[in-house]
Amino acid sequence: MGGTATHVTRHSAVAGGALVVAAAAVLAWALAYPQASLTATLVRAISVCAAVVTLGLAAVPMLEGDRHRAEVTSRAATPLAAAAGVWLLAELTRLVVAAAQTAGVGVLRLDLGTLADFLVATTAGRSGLVALGAAAVVCVAALAAPRGMPTVVVLTGVAAVGVVARPLTGHFSDSALGGFAVAVHMLAAALWCGALAALLLTVEHRGQWARLLPRFSTLSLWCVLALLAGGVLGAAVRLDSVAELYATGCGRVLSVKIAVTAALVLLGWRNRTMWLPAARSHRATAVVSRSRSVVELTVMAVALALAAGLAVTS
């Protein structure tokens, strides 16, 4: 009965997360209007969030000790394949939409030759193929590959490559410094958010939270530092003046994203000082830990959807 309740809670959390991502994507589009497409923003947000969850599920066994790692790897396999499958479909849809927009035709009028030209001849197409390939490899390997530490390391690396493939060739493709900054920023955000999502999807008992949450907390601290450093550097490269933060669609999305990120950092600090000690000492039940992780993940989903909106804002 308890297991059924846990699954219901997780299914509800996934459904709620999807609604939050959709709503935040609409907000990002509204802030950027008329410099962004609603369809492109929604598809990009779904792809980004699925990629983040995929990376987190691939990496979460590394947070566990040798004694319990096989158990976590086994529990993560099915949601990992599902998240990678959603990433694969969203990335494929994103490429079709982008190819249609580049060709100036409707999606239904896009022919295979035009799509192939986009995939091969454009930087956006080639980077999308990298992400598409990464999602496909993780999806298949999560179910078919041996569940050992070498597989965990390889799949984490493949997912990480897929996550940073598009940012490296997006707005900062003409700046080596900007490209490095956004790659660091995105990878740090993906590890931070993805690892917490993975804990929500795989951890069932109070004892598991007591073991894994302190290790996640250490990881998240380094991720936040890298995220902030990469974000500040990336914004400095991208913006020509402070006025752009409210005068342009890109600036407005960035301003709200900064505010949400600040709130997320504060929430993370609060959880580090209150939730972490309670979980470590087994005073926090699994229900309490899941509830706190859902709250933090909700804010993370908003931030990721805004980042997706920023990426498609011209």
Protein backbone atom coordinates (compact mmCIF):
# COMPACT_ATOMS: atom_id res chain seq x y z
CA MET A 1 0.00 0.00 0.00
CA GLY A 2 2.81 2.36 0.93
CA GLY A 3 4.57 1.57 -2.36
CA THR A 4 1.39 2.36 -4.30
CA ALA A 5 1.03 5.67 -2.47
CA THR A 6 4.64 6.48 -3.27
CA HIS A 7 4.09 5.82 -6.98
CA VAL A 8 0.94 7.95 -6.96
CA THR A 9 2.88 10.76 -5.32
CA ARG A 10 5.64 10.52 -7.92
CA HIS A 11 3.20 10.37 -10.81
CA SER A 12 1.42 13.41 -9.41
CA ALA A 13 4.74 15.21 -9.03
CA VAL A 14 5.67 14.46 -12.66
CA ALA A 15 2.27 15.65 -13.91
CA GLY A 16 2.48 18.76 -11.76
CA GLY A 17 5.99 19.43 -12.98
CA ALA A 18 4.85 19.25 -16.59
CA LEU A 19 2.15 21.83 -15.89
CA VAL A 20 4.64 24.12 -14.16
CA VAL A 21 7.05 23.86 -17.11
CA ALA A 22 4.25 24.65 -19.57
CA ALA A 23 3.06 27.64 -17.55
CA ALA A 24 6.61 28.98 -17.13
CA ALA A 25 7.26 28.55 -20.86
CA VAL A 26 4.15 30.62 -21.61
CA LEU A 27 5.43 33.26 -19.17
CA ALA A 28 8.82 33.30 -20.92
CA TRP A 29 7.11 33.71 -24.30
CA ALA A 30 4.95 36.55 -22.97
CA LEU A 31 7.97 38.36 -21.54
CA ALA A 32 9.87 38.01 -24.82
CA TYR A 33 6.93 38.77 -27.13
CA PRO A 34 7.18 39.39 -30.05
CA GLN A 35 10.79 38.16 -30.17
CA ALA A 36 9.98 34.50 -29.51
CA SER A 37 7.66 31.76 -30.79
CA LEU A 38 5.33 30.06 -28.30
CA THR A 39 5.73 26.69 -30.02
CA ALA A 40 9.53 26.90 -30.03
CA THR A 41 9.56 28.01 -26.38
CA LEU A 42 7.30 25.17 -25.22
CA VAL A 43 9.20 22.49 -27.14
CA ARG A 44 12.55 23.82 -25.96
CA ALA A 45 11.36 23.90 -22.34
CA ILE A 46 10.20 20.28 -22.49
CA SER A 47 13.46 19.22 -24.12
CA VAL A 48 15.61 21.07 -21.57
CA CYS A 49 13.74 19.70 -18.56
CA ALA A 50 13.76 16.14 -19.92
CA ALA A 51 17.50 16.41 -20.58
CA VAL A 52 18.09 17.69 -17.04
CA VAL A 53 16.14 14.83 -15.48
CA THR A 54 17.98 12.36 -17.72
CA LEU A 55 21.36 13.64 -16.57
CA GLY A 56 20.29 13.52 -12.93
CA LEU A 57 19.01 9.95 -13.16
CA ALA A 58 22.15 8.84 -14.99
CA ALA A 59 24.36 10.37 -12.29
CA VAL A 60 22.39 9.64 -9.11
CA PRO A 61 24.01 6.21 -8.47
CA MET A 62 27.30 8.08 -7.98
CA LEU A 63 25.82 9.66 -4.84
CA GLU A 64 25.33 6.24 -3.26
CA GLY A 65 27.97 4.08 -1.62
CA ASP A 66 29.17 0.78 -3.06
CA ARG A 67 26.89 -1.24 -0.78
CA HIS A 68 23.63 0.28 -2.07
CA ARG A 69 24.64 1.56 -5.52
CA ALA A 70 23.21 -1.42 -7.44
CA GLU A 71 19.82 -0.87 -5.81
CA VAL A 72 19.72 2.81 -6.79
CA THR A 73 20.92 2.01 -10.32
CA SER A 74 18.16 -0.56 -10.72
CA ARG A 75 15.45 1.81 -9.46
CA ALA A 76 16.71 4.60 -11.72
CA ALA A 77 16.76 2.50 -14.91
CA THR A 78 13.08 2.73 -15.89
CA PRO A 79 12.60 6.46 -15.16
CA LEU A 80 15.94 7.11 -16.88
CA ALA A 81 14.74 5.39 -20.06
CA ALA A 82 11.43 7.28 -19.85
CA ALA A 83 13.09 10.67 -19.35
CA ALA A 84 15.53 10.01 -22.19
CA GLY A 85 12.62 8.95 -24.39
CA VAL A 86 10.79 12.22 -23.71
CA TRP A 87 14.03 14.10 -24.39
CA LEU A 88 14.44 12.22 -27.68
CA LEU A 89 10.91 13.03 -28.85
CA ALA A 90 11.10 16.66 -27.71
CA GLU A 91 14.46 17.14 -29.39
CA LEU A 92 13.20 15.62 -32.62
CA THR A 93 10.15 17.91 -32.52
CA ARG A 94 12.37 20.90 -31.79
CA LEU A 95 14.54 20.14 -34.81
CA VAL A 96 11.52 19.83 -37.10
CA VAL A 97 10.08 23.12 -35.82
CA ALA A 98 13.45 24.88 -36.14
CA ALA A 99 13.96 23.55 -39.67
CA ALA A 100 10.48 24.74 -40.69
CA GLN A 101 11.09 28.19 -39.23
CA THR A 102 14.48 28.45 -40.97
CA ALA A 103 12.95 27.41 -44.30
CA GLY A 104 10.00 29.77 -43.82
CA VAL A 105 7.38 27.05 -44.24
CA GLY A 106 4.81 25.39 -42.01
CA VAL A 107 5.76 22.22 -40.16
CA LEU A 108 3.31 20.15 -42.22
CA ARG A 109 4.86 21.46 -45.46
CA LEU A 110 8.45 20.65 -44.44
CA ASP A 111 9.94 17.96 -46.71
CA LEU A 112 12.65 15.47 -45.74
CA GLY A 113 15.23 17.08 -48.02
CA THR A 114 14.85 20.47 -46.35
CA LEU A 115 15.04 18.85 -42.93
CA ALA A 116 18.18 16.95 -43.90
CA ASP A 117 19.80 20.13 -45.22
CA PHE A 118 19.03 21.88 -41.94
CA LEU A 119 20.48 19.03 -39.88
CA VAL A 120 23.69 18.82 -41.89
CA ALA A 121 24.32 22.37 -43.09
CA THR A 122 23.49 24.45 -39.99
CA THR A 123 25.18 24.66 -36.62
CA ALA A 124 21.83 24.43 -34.85
CA GLY A 125 20.99 21.29 -36.81
CA ARG A 126 24.29 19.56 -36.09
CA SER A 127 24.15 20.40 -32.38
CA GLY A 128 20.60 19.10 -32.31
CA LEU A 129 21.78 15.83 -33.82
CA VAL A 130 24.32 15.50 -31.00
CA ALA A 131 21.58 15.98 -28.42
CA LEU A 132 19.30 13.59 -30.32
CA GLY A 133 22.02 10.95 -30.42
CA ALA A 134 22.78 11.37 -26.72
CA ALA A 135 19.11 10.93 -25.81
CA ALA A 136 18.81 7.82 -27.99
CA VAL A 137 21.95 6.21 -26.54
CA VAL A 138 20.85 6.81 -22.95
CA CYS A 139 17.30 5.60 -23.64
CA VAL A 140 18.46 2.28 -25.08
CA ALA A 141 21.39 1.73 -22.73
CA ALA A 142 19.29 2.42 -19.62
CA LEU A 143 17.30 -0.72 -20.38
CA ALA A 144 19.80 -2.90 -22.25
CA ALA A 145 23.30 -2.15 -20.90
CA PRO A 146 24.83 -3.91 -17.87
CA ARG A 147 24.02 -2.00 -14.67
CA GLY A 148 27.51 -1.40 -13.35
CA MET A 149 29.57 1.63 -12.44
CA PRO A 150 31.23 1.86 -15.91
CA THR A 151 27.77 2.15 -17.50
CA VAL A 152 26.78 4.83 -14.99
CA VAL A 153 29.87 6.88 -15.80
CA VAL A 154 29.46 6.51 -19.57
CA LEU A 155 25.75 7.38 -19.56
CA THR A 156 26.39 10.40 -17.35
CA GLY A 157 29.04 11.60 -19.77
CA VAL A 158 26.82 11.03 -22.81
CA ALA A 159 23.92 12.87 -21.18
CA ALA A 160 26.22 15.76 -20.21
CA VAL A 161 27.43 16.10 -23.81
CA GLY A 162 23.83 16.21 -24.99
CA VAL A 163 22.94 18.86 -22.41
CA VAL A 164 25.73 21.26 -23.42
CA ALA A 165 25.59 20.60 -27.19
CA ARG A 166 22.97 23.26 -27.91
CA PRO A 167 24.09 26.00 -25.49
CA LEU A 168 27.58 25.86 -26.97
CA THR A 169 26.20 26.62 -30.42
CA GLY A 170 23.40 29.00 -29.48
CA HIS A 171 23.60 32.70 -28.73
CA PHE A 172 27.28 32.42 -27.77
CA SER A 173 28.51 30.47 -30.76
CA ASP A 174 30.48 33.50 -31.91
CA SER A 175 32.21 33.94 -28.55
CA ALA A 176 34.52 31.34 -27.05
CA LEU A 177 34.26 32.97 -23.62
CA GLY A 178 30.50 33.18 -23.82
CA GLY A 179 30.24 29.59 -25.04
CA PHE A 180 32.34 28.32 -22.15
CA ALA A 181 30.35 30.37 -19.64
CA VAL A 182 26.96 29.14 -20.83
CA ALA A 183 28.16 25.53 -20.97
CA VAL A 184 29.36 25.71 -17.36
CA HIS A 185 26.14 27.46 -16.32
CA MET A 186 23.88 24.92 -18.04
CA LEU A 187 25.79 21.85 -16.90
CA ALA A 188 25.87 23.05 -13.29
CA ALA A 189 22.14 23.81 -13.37
CA ALA A 190 21.40 20.43 -14.95
CA LEU A 191 23.37 18.52 -12.32
CA TRP A 192 21.83 20.46 -9.45
CA CYS A 193 18.23 20.23 -10.63
CA GLY A 194 18.55 16.80 -12.22
CA ALA A 195 20.10 15.16 -9.17
CA LEU A 196 17.30 16.40 -6.90
CA ALA A 197 14.68 15.19 -9.40
CA ALA A 198 16.45 11.83 -9.44
CA LEU A 199 16.30 11.61 -5.65
CA LEU A 200 12.56 12.30 -5.74
CA LEU A 201 12.07 9.55 -8.34
CA THR A 202 14.28 6.89 -6.75
CA VAL A 203 14.52 7.39 -2.97
CA GLU A 204 11.81 5.67 -0.95
CA HIS A 205 12.86 5.50 2.69
CA ARG A 206 14.02 7.84 5.43
CA GLY A 207 17.34 6.01 5.69
CA GLN A 208 18.05 6.56 2.00
CA TRP A 209 17.36 10.28 2.34
CA ALA A 210 19.70 10.32 5.35
CA ARG A 211 22.50 8.83 3.23
CA LEU A 212 21.95 10.60 -0.07
CA LEU A 213 20.77 14.09 0.85
CA PRO A 214 24.08 15.14 2.50
CA ARG A 215 25.97 14.01 -0.62
CA PHE A 216 23.51 15.86 -2.83
CA SER A 217 23.95 18.95 -0.66
CA THR A 218 27.71 18.91 -1.21
CA LEU A 219 27.21 18.48 -4.96
CA SER A 220 24.62 21.27 -5.09
CA LEU A 221 26.95 23.72 -3.32
CA TRP A 222 29.58 23.32 -6.03
CA CYS A 223 26.92 23.43 -8.72
CA VAL A 224 25.51 26.71 -7.41
CA LEU A 225 28.96 28.30 -7.35
CA ALA A 226 29.63 27.21 -10.94
CA LEU A 227 26.14 28.21 -12.04
CA LEU A 228 26.47 31.72 -10.63
CA ALA A 229 29.96 32.23 -12.07
CA GLY A 230 28.93 31.00 -15.51
CA GLY A 231 25.68 32.97 -15.44
CA VAL A 232 27.29 36.27 -14.50
CA LEU A 233 29.98 35.87 -17.15
CA GLY A 234 27.46 34.81 -19.78
CA ALA A 235 25.17 37.77 -19.04
CA ALA A 236 28.12 40.17 -19.22
CA VAL A 237 29.02 38.84 -22.67
CA ARG A 238 25.45 38.87 -23.93
CA LEU A 239 24.21 42.26 -22.70
CA ASP A 240 25.50 45.55 -24.08
CA SER A 241 23.87 47.71 -21.40
CA VAL A 242 21.85 47.40 -18.18
CA ALA A 243 18.87 48.96 -19.97
CA GLU A 244 18.50 45.78 -22.01
CA LEU A 245 17.30 44.00 -18.87
CA TYR A 246 13.92 45.70 -19.24
CA ALA A 247 13.93 47.19 -22.75
CA THR A 248 14.25 43.96 -24.76
CA GLY A 249 12.44 40.64 -24.72
CA CYS A 250 15.67 38.79 -24.03
CA GLY A 251 16.48 41.16 -21.17
CA ARG A 252 13.06 40.79 -19.58
CA VAL A 253 13.29 36.99 -19.62
CA LEU A 254 16.80 37.20 -18.20
CA SER A 255 15.67 39.59 -15.43
CA VAL A 256 12.91 37.25 -14.29
CA LYS A 257 15.27 34.27 -14.54
CA ILE A 258 17.77 36.07 -12.30
CA ALA A 259 15.03 36.75 -9.75
CA VAL A 260 13.87 33.11 -9.80
CA THR A 261 17.46 31.87 -9.49
CA ALA A 262 18.02 34.15 -6.48
CA ALA A 263 14.87 32.76 -4.85
CA LEU A 264 16.04 29.23 -5.62
CA VAL A 265 19.45 29.83 -4.04
CA LEU A 266 17.77 31.21 -0.91
CA LEU A 267 15.43 28.22 -0.78
CA GLY A 268 18.37 25.88 -1.20
CA TRP A 269 20.24 27.60 1.64
CA ARG A 270 17.16 27.30 3.88
CA ASN A 271 16.85 23.59 3.09
CA ARG A 272 20.56 23.13 3.73
CA THR A 273 20.22 24.62 7.22
CA MET A 274 16.88 23.02 8.18
CA TRP A 275 15.96 20.02 6.02
CA LEU A 276 19.47 18.55 5.72
CA PRO A 277 20.16 18.24 9.50
CA ALA A 278 16.71 16.72 10.05
CA ALA A 279 17.14 14.22 7.24
CA ARG A 280 20.70 13.30 8.27
CA SER A 281 19.55 12.53 11.82
CA HIS A 282 16.50 10.56 10.59
CA ARG A 283 14.11 13.13 12.10
CA ALA A 284 12.58 13.97 8.71
CA THR A 285 10.25 11.32 7.30
CA ALA A 286 10.39 10.28 3.66
CA VAL A 287 7.10 12.15 3.10
CA VAL A 288 8.59 15.36 4.48
CA SER A 289 11.71 14.98 2.33
CA ARG A 290 9.64 14.33 -0.79
CA SER A 291 7.48 17.36 -0.05
CA ARG A 292 10.49 19.64 0.40
CA SER A 293 12.09 18.33 -2.77
CA VAL A 294 8.86 18.94 -4.72
CA VAL A 295 8.78 22.58 -3.58
CA GLU A 296 12.40 23.14 -4.59
CA LEU A 297 11.92 21.32 -7.89
CA THR A 298 8.93 23.50 -8.72
CA VAL A 299 11.09 26.61 -8.55
CA MET A 300 13.81 24.81 -10.49
CA ALA A 301 11.31 23.94 -13.25
CA VAL A 302 10.36 27.60 -13.59
CA ALA A 303 14.03 28.60 -13.85
CA LEU A 304 14.73 25.93 -16.48
CA ALA A 305 11.71 26.91 -18.57
CA LEU A 306 12.83 30.55 -18.46
CA ALA A 307 16.30 29.46 -19.56
CA ALA A 308 14.70 27.61 -22.47
CA GLY A 309 12.72 30.72 -23.36
CA LEU A 310 15.89 32.78 -23.23
CA ALA A 311 17.60 30.38 -25.63
CA VAL A 312 14.94 30.81 -28.33
CA THR A 313 14.53 34.57 -27.94
CA SER A 314 16.09 36.42 -30.86
